[in-house]
Amino acid sequence: MDHGKTSDPYVVIKVGHVSIKSTSKAKTLSPVWNEDYDLGVEQLNGSIKIELFDKDLVSDDSLGTAEVDLSSVPHGHPRDFTLQVRAPLSSISSLS
Protein backbone atom coordinates (compact mmCIF):
# COMPACT_ATOMS: atom_id res chain seq x y z
CA MET A 1 0.00 0.00 0.00
CA ASP A 2 1.23 3.49 -0.85
CA HIS A 3 1.86 6.22 1.70
CA GLY A 4 -1.54 7.74 0.85
CA LYS A 5 -3.24 4.47 1.96
CA THR A 6 -4.00 3.48 -1.64
CA SER A 7 -2.72 0.79 -3.96
CA ASP A 8 -1.71 0.60 -7.60
CA PRO A 9 -3.36 -2.77 -8.26
CA TYR A 10 -3.09 -5.08 -11.24
CA VAL A 11 -4.06 -8.69 -11.80
CA VAL A 12 -2.34 -11.69 -13.31
CA ILE A 13 -4.73 -14.20 -14.88
CA LYS A 14 -3.50 -17.77 -15.37
CA VAL A 15 -5.14 -20.62 -17.25
CA GLY A 16 -2.94 -23.68 -17.63
CA HIS A 17 0.38 -22.45 -19.03
CA VAL A 18 -1.01 -19.11 -20.28
CA SER A 19 -0.56 -15.98 -18.15
CA ILE A 20 -1.85 -12.46 -18.83
CA LYS A 21 -1.12 -9.29 -16.84
CA SER A 22 -3.66 -6.44 -16.72
CA THR A 23 -2.90 -2.76 -16.68
CA SER A 24 -2.34 -1.28 -13.23
CA LYS A 25 -4.82 1.20 -11.79
CA ALA A 26 -3.15 4.13 -10.04
CA LYS A 27 -3.90 5.03 -6.43
CA THR A 28 -7.16 3.16 -5.80
CA LEU A 29 -8.64 0.67 -3.36
CA SER A 30 -11.61 0.00 -5.68
CA PRO A 31 -10.11 -0.89 -9.06
CA VAL A 32 -12.28 -1.71 -12.06
CA TRP A 33 -10.80 -3.37 -15.12
CA ASN A 34 -12.94 -2.95 -18.20
CA GLU A 35 -10.56 -5.05 -20.25
CA ASP A 36 -11.14 -8.05 -22.52
CA TYR A 37 -8.73 -10.95 -22.75
CA ASP A 38 -8.67 -13.93 -25.09
CA LEU A 39 -7.17 -17.03 -23.53
CA GLY A 40 -6.68 -20.17 -25.55
CA VAL A 41 -8.31 -22.71 -23.25
CA GLU A 42 -7.47 -26.23 -24.37
CA GLN A 43 -9.44 -28.14 -21.75
CA LEU A 44 -12.64 -27.25 -19.95
CA ASN A 45 -11.51 -28.75 -16.66
CA GLY A 46 -9.32 -26.89 -14.22
CA SER A 47 -9.60 -23.29 -13.17
CA ILE A 48 -8.77 -19.68 -13.92
CA LYS A 49 -6.41 -18.35 -11.25
CA ILE A 50 -6.39 -14.63 -10.54
CA GLU A 51 -3.63 -13.03 -8.49
CA LEU A 52 -3.98 -9.42 -7.33
CA PHE A 53 -0.83 -7.34 -6.78
CA ASP A 54 0.09 -3.83 -5.67
CA LYS A 55 2.63 -2.34 -8.06
CA ASP A 56 5.57 -0.89 -6.13
CA LEU A 57 8.96 0.53 -7.11
CA VAL A 58 11.09 -2.22 -5.58
CA SER A 59 8.87 -5.33 -5.51
CA ASP A 60 5.16 -5.85 -6.02
CA ASP A 61 3.12 -6.97 -3.01
CA SER A 62 0.51 -9.72 -3.19
CA LEU A 63 -2.96 -8.47 -2.26
CA GLY A 64 -4.68 -11.84 -2.63
CA THR A 65 -5.97 -14.50 -4.98
CA ALA A 66 -9.23 -15.74 -6.46
CA GLU A 67 -10.18 -18.73 -8.57
CA VAL A 68 -12.97 -19.57 -11.04
CA ASP A 69 -13.77 -23.14 -12.06
CA LEU A 70 -13.65 -23.38 -15.86
CA SER A 71 -16.83 -25.46 -15.87
CA SER A 72 -18.74 -22.36 -14.62
CA VAL A 73 -17.65 -20.26 -17.62
CA PRO A 74 -20.07 -20.53 -20.56
CA HIS A 75 -18.23 -21.39 -23.79
CA GLY A 76 -18.43 -18.58 -26.34
CA HIS A 77 -20.50 -16.25 -24.14
CA PRO A 78 -19.00 -13.45 -22.04
CA ARG A 79 -19.96 -13.48 -18.38
CA ASP A 80 -19.25 -11.08 -15.54
CA PHE A 81 -17.94 -12.49 -12.27
CA THR A 82 -17.73 -10.92 -8.84
CA LEU A 83 -14.95 -12.72 -7.02
CA GLN A 84 -14.08 -12.98 -3.36
CA VAL A 85 -10.35 -12.32 -2.99
CA ARG A 86 -8.52 -14.45 -0.44
CA ALA A 87 -5.83 -12.59 1.50
CA PRO A 88 -2.24 -13.71 0.91
CA LEU A 89 -0.91 -16.22 3.44
CA SER A 90 1.78 -13.81 4.62
CA SER A 91 -0.80 -11.25 5.77
CA ILE A 92 -2.90 -13.92 7.50
CA SER A 93 0.05 -15.23 9.51
CA SER A 94 1.11 -11.69 10.48
CA LEU A 95 -2.35 -10.98 11.92
CA SER A 96 -2.23 -13.78 14.49
PDB file of N, CA and C in Angstrom:
ATOM      1  N   MET A   1       0.846  -1.166   0.000  1.00  0.00           N
ATOM      2  CA  MET A   1       0.000   0.000   0.000  1.00  0.00           C
ATOM      3  C   MET A   1       0.897   1.236   0.000  1.00  0.00           C
ATOM      4  N   ASP A   2       0.470   2.248  -0.754  1.00  0.00           N
ATOM      5  CA  ASP A   2       1.230   3.489  -0.850  1.00  0.00           C
ATOM      6  C   ASP A   2       1.092   4.314   0.423  1.00  0.00           C
ATOM      7  N   HIS A   3       1.904   5.354   0.526  1.00  0.00           N
ATOM      8  CA  HIS A   3       1.861   6.225   1.701  1.00  0.00           C
ATOM      9  C   HIS A   3       0.501   6.890   1.871  1.00  0.00           C
ATOM     10  N   GLY A   4      -0.224   7.124   0.784  1.00  0.00           N
ATOM     11  CA  GLY A   4      -1.542   7.736   0.849  1.00  0.00           C
ATOM     12  C   GLY A   4      -2.646   6.727   1.124  1.00  0.00           C
ATOM     13  N   LYS A   5      -2.288   5.544   1.629  1.00  0.00           N
ATOM     14  CA  LYS A   5      -3.240   4.474   1.956  1.00  0.00           C
ATOM     15  C   LYS A   5      -4.033   4.003   0.739  1.00  0.00           C
ATOM     16  N   THR A   6      -3.396   4.021  -0.434  1.00  0.00           N
ATOM     17  CA  THR A   6      -3.998   3.485  -1.642  1.00  0.00           C
ATOM     18  C   THR A   6      -3.061   2.444  -2.236  1.00  0.00           C
ATOM     19  N   SER A   7      -3.535   1.770  -3.254  1.00  0.00           N
ATOM     20  CA  SER A   7      -2.725   0.789  -3.961  1.00  0.00           C
ATOM     21  C   SER A   7      -2.692   1.139  -5.438  1.00  0.00           C
ATOM     22  N   ASP A   8      -1.786   0.519  -6.143  1.00  0.00           N
ATOM     23  CA  ASP A   8      -1.714   0.601  -7.601  1.00  0.00           C
ATOM     24  C   ASP A   8      -1.908  -0.830  -8.112  1.00  0.00           C
ATOM     25  N   PRO A   9      -3.142  -1.355  -8.011  1.00  0.00           N
ATOM     26  CA  PRO A   9      -3.360  -2.775  -8.257  1.00  0.00           C
ATOM     27  C   PRO A   9      -3.351  -3.174  -9.733  1.00  0.00           C
ATOM     28  N   TYR A  10      -2.959  -4.416  -9.941  1.00  0.00           N
ATOM     29  CA  TYR A  10      -3.087  -5.075 -11.237  1.00  0.00           C
ATOM     30  C   TYR A  10      -3.337  -6.549 -10.960  1.00  0.00           C
ATOM     31  N   VAL A  11      -3.812  -7.267 -11.965  1.00  0.00           N
ATOM     32  CA  VAL A  11      -4.062  -8.692 -11.799  1.00  0.00           C
ATOM     33  C   VAL A  11      -3.268  -9.492 -12.818  1.00  0.00           C
ATOM     34  N   VAL A  12      -2.936 -10.712 -12.417  1.00  0.00           N
ATOM     35  CA  VAL A  12      -2.339 -11.688 -13.313  1.00  0.00           C
ATOM     36  C   VAL A  12      -3.342 -12.830 -13.405  1.00  0.00           C
ATOM     37  N   ILE A  13      -3.747 -13.145 -14.628  1.00  0.00           N
ATOM     38  CA  ILE A  13      -4.731 -14.195 -14.878  1.00  0.00           C
ATOM     39  C   ILE A  13      -3.991 -15.380 -15.485  1.00  0.00           C
ATOM     40  N   LYS A  14      -4.189 -16.564 -14.890  1.00  0.00           N
ATOM     41  CA  LYS A  14      -3.504 -17.771 -15.369  1.00  0.00           C
ATOM     42  C   LYS A  14      -4.508 -18.870 -15.671  1.00  0.00           C
ATOM     43  N   VAL A  15      -4.373 -19.441 -16.860  1.00  0.00           N
ATOM     44  CA  VAL A  15      -5.140 -20.621 -17.251  1.00  0.00           C
ATOM     45  C   VAL A  15      -4.138 -21.595 -17.843  1.00  0.00           C
ATOM     46  N   GLY A  16      -3.942 -22.718 -17.160  1.00  0.00           N
ATOM     47  CA  GLY A  16      -2.941 -23.677 -17.633  1.00  0.00           C
ATOM     48  C   GLY A  16      -1.573 -23.025 -17.677  1.00  0.00           C
ATOM     49  N   HIS A  17      -0.962 -23.031 -18.872  1.00  0.00           N
ATOM     50  CA  HIS A  17       0.378 -22.454 -19.033  1.00  0.00           C
ATOM     51  C   HIS A  17       0.346 -21.026 -19.546  1.00  0.00           C
ATOM     52  N   VAL A  18      -0.861 -20.470 -19.745  1.00  0.00           N
ATOM     53  CA  VAL A  18      -1.012 -19.111 -20.275  1.00  0.00           C
ATOM     54  C   VAL A  18      -1.189 -18.130 -19.119  1.00  0.00           C
ATOM     55  N   SER A  19      -0.490 -17.005 -19.195  1.00  0.00           N
ATOM     56  CA  SER A  19      -0.560 -15.984 -18.150  1.00  0.00           C
ATOM     57  C   SER A  19      -0.694 -14.611 -18.807  1.00  0.00           C
ATOM     58  N   ILE A  20      -1.633 -13.803 -18.304  1.00  0.00           N
ATOM     59  CA  ILE A  20      -1.854 -12.459 -18.832  1.00  0.00           C
ATOM     60  C   ILE A  20      -1.840 -11.475 -17.669  1.00  0.00           C
ATOM     61  N   LYS A  21      -1.187 -10.333 -17.868  1.00  0.00           N
ATOM     62  CA  LYS A  21      -1.123  -9.287 -16.842  1.00  0.00           C
ATOM     63  C   LYS A  21      -1.973  -8.103 -17.297  1.00  0.00           C
ATOM     64  N   SER A  22      -2.829  -7.598 -16.404  1.00  0.00           N
ATOM     65  CA  SER A  22      -3.661  -6.440 -16.718  1.00  0.00           C
ATOM     66  C   SER A  22      -2.854  -5.153 -16.600  1.00  0.00           C
ATOM     67  N   THR A  23      -3.489  -4.067 -16.953  1.00  0.00           N
ATOM     68  CA  THR A  23      -2.900  -2.760 -16.676  1.00  0.00           C
ATOM     69  C   THR A  23      -3.022  -2.510 -15.173  1.00  0.00           C
ATOM     70  N   SER A  24      -2.195  -1.638 -14.642  1.00  0.00           N
ATOM     71  CA  SER A  24      -2.341  -1.279 -13.228  1.00  0.00           C
ATOM     72  C   SER A  24      -3.211  -0.031 -13.127  1.00  0.00           C
ATOM     73  N   LYS A  25      -3.938   0.062 -12.039  1.00  0.00           N
ATOM     74  CA  LYS A  25      -4.823   1.196 -11.786  1.00  0.00           C
ATOM     75  C   LYS A  25      -4.192   2.033 -10.678  1.00  0.00           C
ATOM     76  N   ALA A  26      -3.909   3.279 -10.968  1.00  0.00           N
ATOM     77  CA  ALA A  26      -3.154   4.126 -10.042  1.00  0.00           C
ATOM     78  C   ALA A  26      -3.992   4.584  -8.853  1.00  0.00           C
ATOM     79  N   LYS A  27      -3.401   4.452  -7.685  1.00  0.00           N
ATOM     80  CA  LYS A  27      -3.902   5.027  -6.428  1.00  0.00           C
ATOM     81  C   LYS A  27      -5.387   4.776  -6.173  1.00  0.00           C
ATOM     82  N   THR A  28      -5.759   3.498  -6.068  1.00  0.00           N
ATOM     83  CA  THR A  28      -7.156   3.161  -5.796  1.00  0.00           C
ATOM     84  C   THR A  28      -7.261   1.915  -4.923  1.00  0.00           C
ATOM     85  N   LEU A  29      -8.301   1.871  -4.125  1.00  0.00           N
ATOM     86  CA  LEU A  29      -8.635   0.670  -3.360  1.00  0.00           C
ATOM     87  C   LEU A  29      -9.867  -0.016  -3.946  1.00  0.00           C
ATOM     88  N   SER A  30     -10.427   0.564  -5.012  1.00  0.00           N
ATOM     89  CA  SER A  30     -11.609   0.004  -5.678  1.00  0.00           C
ATOM     90  C   SER A  30     -11.385  -0.050  -7.185  1.00  0.00           C
ATOM     91  N   PRO A  31     -10.431  -0.868  -7.626  1.00  0.00           N
ATOM     92  CA  PRO A  31     -10.115  -0.889  -9.057  1.00  0.00           C
ATOM     93  C   PRO A  31     -11.221  -1.564  -9.875  1.00  0.00           C
ATOM     94  N   VAL A  32     -11.376  -1.092 -11.092  1.00  0.00           N
ATOM     95  CA  VAL A  32     -12.278  -1.708 -12.058  1.00  0.00           C
ATOM     96  C   VAL A  32     -11.482  -1.881 -13.345  1.00  0.00           C
ATOM     97  N   TRP A  33     -11.463  -3.101 -13.858  1.00  0.00           N
ATOM     98  CA  TRP A  33     -10.799  -3.370 -15.121  1.00  0.00           C
ATOM     99  C   TRP A  33     -11.873  -3.649 -16.154  1.00  0.00           C
ATOM    100  N   ASN A  34     -12.027  -2.743 -17.089  1.00  0.00           N
ATOM    101  CA  ASN A  34     -12.940  -2.954 -18.197  1.00  0.00           C
ATOM    102  C   ASN A  34     -12.101  -3.403 -19.385  1.00  0.00           C
ATOM    103  N   GLU A  35     -11.481  -4.554 -19.253  1.00  0.00           N
ATOM    104  CA  GLU A  35     -10.555  -5.051 -20.254  1.00  0.00           C
ATOM    105  C   GLU A  35     -11.004  -6.435 -20.695  1.00  0.00           C
ATOM    106  N   ASP A  36     -10.808  -6.728 -21.970  1.00  0.00           N
ATOM    107  CA  ASP A  36     -11.141  -8.045 -22.521  1.00  0.00           C
ATOM    108  C   ASP A  36      -9.852  -8.797 -22.796  1.00  0.00           C
ATOM    109  N   TYR A  37      -9.878 -10.089 -22.494  1.00  0.00           N
ATOM    110  CA  TYR A  37      -8.726 -10.949 -22.754  1.00  0.00           C
ATOM    111  C   TYR A  37      -9.192 -12.203 -23.464  1.00  0.00           C
ATOM    112  N   ASP A  38      -8.417 -12.650 -24.428  1.00  0.00           N
ATOM    113  CA  ASP A  38      -8.674 -13.926 -25.089  1.00  0.00           C
ATOM    114  C   ASP A  38      -7.619 -14.905 -24.618  1.00  0.00           C
ATOM    115  N   LEU A  39      -8.082 -15.980 -23.999  1.00  0.00           N
ATOM    116  CA  LEU A  39      -7.175 -17.026 -23.527  1.00  0.00           C
ATOM    117  C   LEU A  39      -7.488 -18.304 -24.294  1.00  0.00           C
ATOM    118  N   GLY A  40      -6.487 -18.903 -24.850  1.00  0.00           N
ATOM    119  CA  GLY A  40      -6.681 -20.169 -25.553  1.00  0.00           C
ATOM    120  C   GLY A  40      -6.826 -21.306 -24.554  1.00  0.00           C
ATOM    121  N   VAL A  41      -8.053 -21.646 -24.226  1.00  0.00           N
ATOM    122  CA  VAL A  41      -8.311 -22.709 -23.255  1.00  0.00           C
ATOM    123  C   VAL A  41      -8.407 -24.027 -24.005  1.00  0.00           C
ATOM    124  N   GLU A  42      -7.509 -24.947 -23.685  1.00  0.00           N
ATOM    125  CA  GLU A  42      -7.465 -26.232 -24.371  1.00  0.00           C
ATOM    126  C   GLU A  42      -8.413 -27.254 -23.748  1.00  0.00           C
ATOM    127  N   GLN A  43      -8.585 -27.197 -22.449  1.00  0.00           N
ATOM    128  CA  GLN A  43      -9.439 -28.145 -21.746  1.00  0.00           C
ATOM    129  C   GLN A  43     -10.434 -27.377 -20.896  1.00  0.00           C
ATOM    130  N   LEU A  44     -11.622 -27.926 -20.732  1.00  0.00           N
ATOM    131  CA  LEU A  44     -12.644 -27.249 -19.946  1.00  0.00           C
ATOM    132  C   LEU A  44     -12.645 -27.674 -18.486  1.00  0.00           C
ATOM    133  N   ASN A  45     -11.645 -28.446 -18.089  1.00  0.00           N
ATOM    134  CA  ASN A  45     -11.508 -28.747 -16.656  1.00  0.00           C
ATOM    135  C   ASN A  45     -10.365 -27.894 -16.111  1.00  0.00           C
ATOM    136  N   GLY A  46     -10.320 -27.755 -14.834  1.00  0.00           N
ATOM    137  CA  GLY A  46      -9.317 -26.891 -14.220  1.00  0.00           C
ATOM    138  C   GLY A  46      -9.932 -25.578 -13.808  1.00  0.00           C
ATOM    139  N   SER A  47      -9.086 -24.564 -13.664  1.00  0.00           N
ATOM    140  CA  SER A  47      -9.597 -23.287 -13.170  1.00  0.00           C
ATOM    141  C   SER A  47      -8.818 -22.113 -13.749  1.00  0.00           C
ATOM    142  N   ILE A  48      -9.421 -20.941 -13.601  1.00  0.00           N
ATOM    143  CA  ILE A  48      -8.767 -19.683 -13.919  1.00  0.00           C
ATOM    144  C   ILE A  48      -8.277 -19.124 -12.591  1.00  0.00           C
ATOM    145  N   LYS A  49      -6.993 -18.883 -12.491  1.00  0.00           N
ATOM    146  CA  LYS A  49      -6.414 -18.353 -11.254  1.00  0.00           C
ATOM    147  C   LYS A  49      -6.140 -16.862 -11.439  1.00  0.00           C
ATOM    148  N   ILE A  50      -6.575 -16.074 -10.487  1.00  0.00           N
ATOM    149  CA  ILE A  50      -6.395 -14.631 -10.539  1.00  0.00           C
ATOM    150  C   ILE A  50      -5.583 -14.208  -9.320  1.00  0.00           C
ATOM    151  N   GLU A  51      -4.471 -13.536  -9.569  1.00  0.00           N
ATOM    152  CA  GLU A  51      -3.625 -13.028  -8.490  1.00  0.00           C
ATOM    153  C   GLU A  51      -3.648 -11.509  -8.555  1.00  0.00           C
ATOM    154  N   LEU A  52      -3.895 -10.877  -7.425  1.00  0.00           N
ATOM    155  CA  LEU A  52      -3.979  -9.424  -7.330  1.00  0.00           C
ATOM    156  C   LEU A  52      -2.706  -8.903  -6.664  1.00  0.00           C
ATOM    157  N   PHE A  53      -2.088  -7.897  -7.288  1.00  0.00           N
ATOM    158  CA  PHE A  53      -0.835  -7.340  -6.784  1.00  0.00           C
ATOM    159  C   PHE A  53      -0.933  -5.830  -6.667  1.00  0.00           C
ATOM    160  N   ASP A  54      -0.098  -5.263  -5.788  1.00  0.00           N
ATOM    161  CA  ASP A  54       0.086  -3.831  -5.669  1.00  0.00           C
ATOM    162  C   ASP A  54       1.426  -3.497  -6.304  1.00  0.00           C
ATOM    163  N   LYS A  55       1.401  -2.713  -7.361  1.00  0.00           N
ATOM    164  CA  LYS A  55       2.632  -2.342  -8.062  1.00  0.00           C
ATOM    165  C   LYS A  55       3.428  -1.372  -7.191  1.00  0.00           C
ATOM    166  N   ASP A  56       4.674  -1.727  -6.926  1.00  0.00           N
ATOM    167  CA  ASP A  56       5.573  -0.891  -6.132  1.00  0.00           C
ATOM    168  C   ASP A  56       6.881  -0.696  -6.888  1.00  0.00           C
ATOM    169  N   LEU A  57       7.695   0.244  -6.429  1.00  0.00           N
ATOM    170  CA  LEU A  57       8.957   0.530  -7.107  1.00  0.00           C
ATOM    171  C   LEU A  57       9.942  -0.619  -6.994  1.00  0.00           C
ATOM    172  N   VAL A  58      10.082  -1.189  -5.805  1.00  0.00           N
ATOM    173  CA  VAL A  58      11.094  -2.224  -5.579  1.00  0.00           C
ATOM    174  C   VAL A  58      10.547  -3.613  -5.909  1.00  0.00           C
ATOM    175  N   SER A  59       9.491  -4.023  -5.221  1.00  0.00           N
ATOM    176  CA  SER A  59       8.873  -5.326  -5.512  1.00  0.00           C
ATOM    177  C   SER A  59       7.373  -5.213  -5.282  1.00  0.00           C
ATOM    178  N   ASP A  60       6.615  -5.910  -6.100  1.00  0.00           N
ATOM    179  CA  ASP A  60       5.163  -5.853  -6.023  1.00  0.00           C
ATOM    180  C   ASP A  60       4.658  -6.747  -4.894  1.00  0.00           C
ATOM    181  N   ASP A  61       3.676  -6.232  -4.152  1.00  0.00           N
ATOM    182  CA  ASP A  61       3.122  -6.969  -3.014  1.00  0.00           C
ATOM    183  C   ASP A  61       1.872  -7.727  -3.438  1.00  0.00           C
ATOM    184  N   SER A  62       1.731  -8.955  -2.946  1.00  0.00           N
ATOM    185  CA  SER A  62       0.512  -9.722  -3.195  1.00  0.00           C
ATOM    186  C   SER A  62      -0.618  -9.160  -2.344  1.00  0.00           C
ATOM    187  N   LEU A  63      -1.772  -8.934  -2.968  1.00  0.00           N
ATOM    188  CA  LEU A  63      -2.958  -8.474  -2.255  1.00  0.00           C
ATOM    189  C   LEU A  63      -3.962  -9.605  -2.051  1.00  0.00           C
ATOM    190  N   GLY A  64      -3.783 -10.710  -2.790  1.00  0.00           N
ATOM    191  CA  GLY A  64      -4.681 -11.838  -2.627  1.00  0.00           C
ATOM    192  C   GLY A  64      -4.885 -12.603  -3.924  1.00  0.00           C
ATOM    193  N   THR A  65      -5.709 -13.647  -3.837  1.00  0.00           N
ATOM    194  CA  THR A  65      -5.972 -14.503  -4.982  1.00  0.00           C
ATOM    195  C   THR A  65      -7.462 -14.828  -5.062  1.00  0.00           C
ATOM    196  N   ALA A  66      -7.872 -15.244  -6.244  1.00  0.00           N
ATOM    197  CA  ALA A  66      -9.232 -15.737  -6.462  1.00  0.00           C
ATOM    198  C   ALA A  66      -9.147 -16.821  -7.526  1.00  0.00           C
ATOM    199  N   GLU A  67     -10.185 -17.626  -7.614  1.00  0.00           N
ATOM    200  CA  GLU A  67     -10.184 -18.732  -8.566  1.00  0.00           C
ATOM    201  C   GLU A  67     -11.598 -18.954  -9.099  1.00  0.00           C
ATOM    202  N   VAL A  68     -11.694 -19.270 -10.391  1.00  0.00           N
ATOM    203  CA  VAL A  68     -12.971 -19.568 -11.038  1.00  0.00           C
ATOM    204  C   VAL A  68     -12.838 -20.920 -11.706  1.00  0.00           C
ATOM    205  N   ASP A  69     -13.752 -21.822 -11.415  1.00  0.00           N
ATOM    206  CA  ASP A  69     -13.771 -23.136 -12.057  1.00  0.00           C
ATOM    207  C   ASP A  69     -14.166 -22.959 -13.519  1.00  0.00           C
ATOM    208  N   LEU A  70     -13.368 -23.530 -14.432  1.00  0.00           N
ATOM    209  CA  LEU A  70     -13.652 -23.384 -15.856  1.00  0.00           C
ATOM    210  C   LEU A  70     -15.019 -23.936 -16.247  1.00  0.00           C
ATOM    211  N   SER A  71     -15.526 -24.895 -15.520  1.00  0.00           N
ATOM    212  CA  SER A  71     -16.834 -25.457 -15.865  1.00  0.00           C
ATOM    213  C   SER A  71     -17.968 -24.450 -15.636  1.00  0.00           C
ATOM    214  N   SER A  72     -17.706 -23.378 -14.862  1.00  0.00           N
ATOM    215  CA  SER A  72     -18.738 -22.365 -14.617  1.00  0.00           C
ATOM    216  C   SER A  72     -18.717 -21.242 -15.659  1.00  0.00           C
ATOM    217  N   VAL A  73     -17.761 -21.297 -16.586  1.00  0.00           N
ATOM    218  CA  VAL A  73     -17.646 -20.265 -17.621  1.00  0.00           C
ATOM    219  C   VAL A  73     -18.312 -20.769 -18.895  1.00  0.00           C
ATOM    220  N   PRO A  74     -19.387 -20.081 -19.347  1.00  0.00           N
ATOM    221  CA  PRO A  74     -20.065 -20.528 -20.564  1.00  0.00           C
ATOM    222  C   PRO A  74     -19.160 -20.375 -21.788  1.00  0.00           C
ATOM    223  N   HIS A  75     -19.079 -21.396 -22.596  1.00  0.00           N
ATOM    224  CA  HIS A  75     -18.234 -21.392 -23.786  1.00  0.00           C
ATOM    225  C   HIS A  75     -18.813 -20.440 -24.838  1.00  0.00           C
ATOM    226  N   GLY A  76     -18.019 -19.478 -25.278  1.00  0.00           N
ATOM    227  CA  GLY A  76     -18.430 -18.581 -26.340  1.00  0.00           C
ATOM    228  C   GLY A  76     -19.349 -17.445 -25.917  1.00  0.00           C
ATOM    229  N   HIS A  77     -19.622 -17.313 -24.621  1.00  0.00           N
ATOM    230  CA  HIS A  77     -20.501 -16.254 -24.136  1.00  0.00           C
ATOM    231  C   HIS A  77     -19.817 -15.519 -22.991  1.00  0.00           C
ATOM    232  N   PRO A  78     -19.615 -14.211 -23.141  1.00  0.00           N
ATOM    233  CA  PRO A  78     -19.003 -13.446 -22.039  1.00  0.00           C
ATOM    234  C   PRO A  78     -19.878 -13.492 -20.787  1.00  0.00           C
ATOM    235  N   ARG A  79     -19.228 -13.467 -19.652  1.00  0.00           N
ATOM    236  CA  ARG A  79     -19.961 -13.480 -18.382  1.00  0.00           C
ATOM    237  C   ARG A  79     -19.184 -12.657 -17.373  1.00  0.00           C
ATOM    238  N   ASP A  80     -19.876 -11.849 -16.608  1.00  0.00           N
ATOM    239  CA  ASP A  80     -19.248 -11.083 -15.536  1.00  0.00           C
ATOM    240  C   ASP A  80     -19.200 -11.924 -14.275  1.00  0.00           C
ATOM    241  N   PHE A  81     -18.106 -11.796 -13.533  1.00  0.00           N
ATOM    242  CA  PHE A  81     -17.943 -12.491 -12.267  1.00  0.00           C
ATOM    243  C   PHE A  81     -17.589 -11.485 -11.184  1.00  0.00           C
ATOM    244  N   THR A  82     -18.167 -11.643 -10.031  1.00  0.00           N
ATOM    245  CA  THR A  82     -17.731 -10.922  -8.845  1.00  0.00           C
ATOM    246  C   THR A  82     -17.032 -11.953  -7.978  1.00  0.00           C
ATOM    247  N   LEU A  83     -15.765 -11.715  -7.692  1.00  0.00           N
ATOM    248  CA  LEU A  83     -14.954 -12.720  -7.018  1.00  0.00           C
ATOM    249  C   LEU A  83     -14.571 -12.273  -5.618  1.00  0.00           C
ATOM    250  N   GLN A  84     -14.555 -13.211  -4.713  1.00  0.00           N
ATOM    251  CA  GLN A  84     -14.079 -12.979  -3.356  1.00  0.00           C
ATOM    252  C   GLN A  84     -12.569 -13.215  -3.359  1.00  0.00           C
ATOM    253  N   VAL A  85     -11.806 -12.199  -3.007  1.00  0.00           N
ATOM    254  CA  VAL A  85     -10.345 -12.316  -2.993  1.00  0.00           C
ATOM    255  C   VAL A  85      -9.902 -12.838  -1.640  1.00  0.00           C
ATOM    256  N   ARG A  86      -9.100 -13.895  -1.673  1.00  0.00           N
ATOM    257  CA  ARG A  86      -8.518 -14.445  -0.441  1.00  0.00           C
ATOM    258  C   ARG A  86      -7.224 -13.694  -0.149  1.00  0.00           C
ATOM    259  N   ALA A  87      -7.047 -13.309   1.097  1.00  0.00           N
ATOM    260  CA  ALA A  87      -5.834 -12.592   1.502  1.00  0.00           C
ATOM    261  C   ALA A  87      -4.613 -13.492   1.325  1.00  0.00           C
ATOM    262  N   PRO A  88      -3.462 -12.906   1.029  1.00  0.00           N
ATOM    263  CA  PRO A  88      -2.242 -13.715   0.912  1.00  0.00           C
ATOM    264  C   PRO A  88      -1.891 -14.341   2.256  1.00  0.00           C
ATOM    265  N   LEU A  89      -1.271 -15.499   2.213  1.00  0.00           N
ATOM    266  CA  LEU A  89      -0.906 -16.219   3.443  1.00  0.00           C
ATOM    267  C   LEU A  89      -0.017 -15.392   4.351  1.00  0.00           C
ATOM    268  N   SER A  90       0.868 -14.590   3.784  1.00  0.00           N
ATOM    269  CA  SER A  90       1.781 -13.806   4.616  1.00  0.00           C
ATOM    270  C   SER A  90       1.021 -12.803   5.483  1.00  0.00           C
ATOM    271  N   SER A  91      -0.068 -12.220   4.969  1.00  0.00           N
ATOM    272  CA  SER A  91      -0.804 -11.252   5.769  1.00  0.00           C
ATOM    273  C   SER A  91      -1.670 -11.956   6.820  1.00  0.00           C
ATOM    274  N   ILE A  92      -2.110 -13.174   6.538  1.00  0.00           N
ATOM    275  CA  ILE A  92      -2.902 -13.923   7.504  1.00  0.00           C
ATOM    276  C   ILE A  92      -2.025 -14.320   8.691  1.00  0.00           C
ATOM    277  N   SER A  93      -0.828 -14.805   8.408  1.00  0.00           N
ATOM    278  CA  SER A  93       0.052 -15.232   9.506  1.00  0.00           C
ATOM    279  C   SER A  93       0.537 -14.050  10.332  1.00  0.00           C
ATOM    280  N   SER A  94       0.635 -12.844   9.715  1.00  0.00           N
ATOM    281  CA  SER A  94       1.111 -11.695  10.480  1.00  0.00           C
ATOM    282  C   SER A  94       0.005 -11.097  11.351  1.00  0.00           C
ATOM    283  N   LEU A  95      -1.254 -11.478  11.112  1.00  0.00           N
ATOM    284  CA  LEU A  95      -2.353 -10.980  11.919  1.00  0.00           C
ATOM    285  C   LEU A  95      -2.505 -11.733  13.238  1.00  0.00           C
ATOM    286  N   SER A  96      -2.006 -12.979  13.282  1.00  0.00           N
ATOM    287  CA  SER A  96      -2.226 -13.779  14.490  1.00  0.00           C
ATOM    288  C   SER A  96      -1.215 -13.497  15.571  1.00  0.00           C
TER     289      SER A  96
END
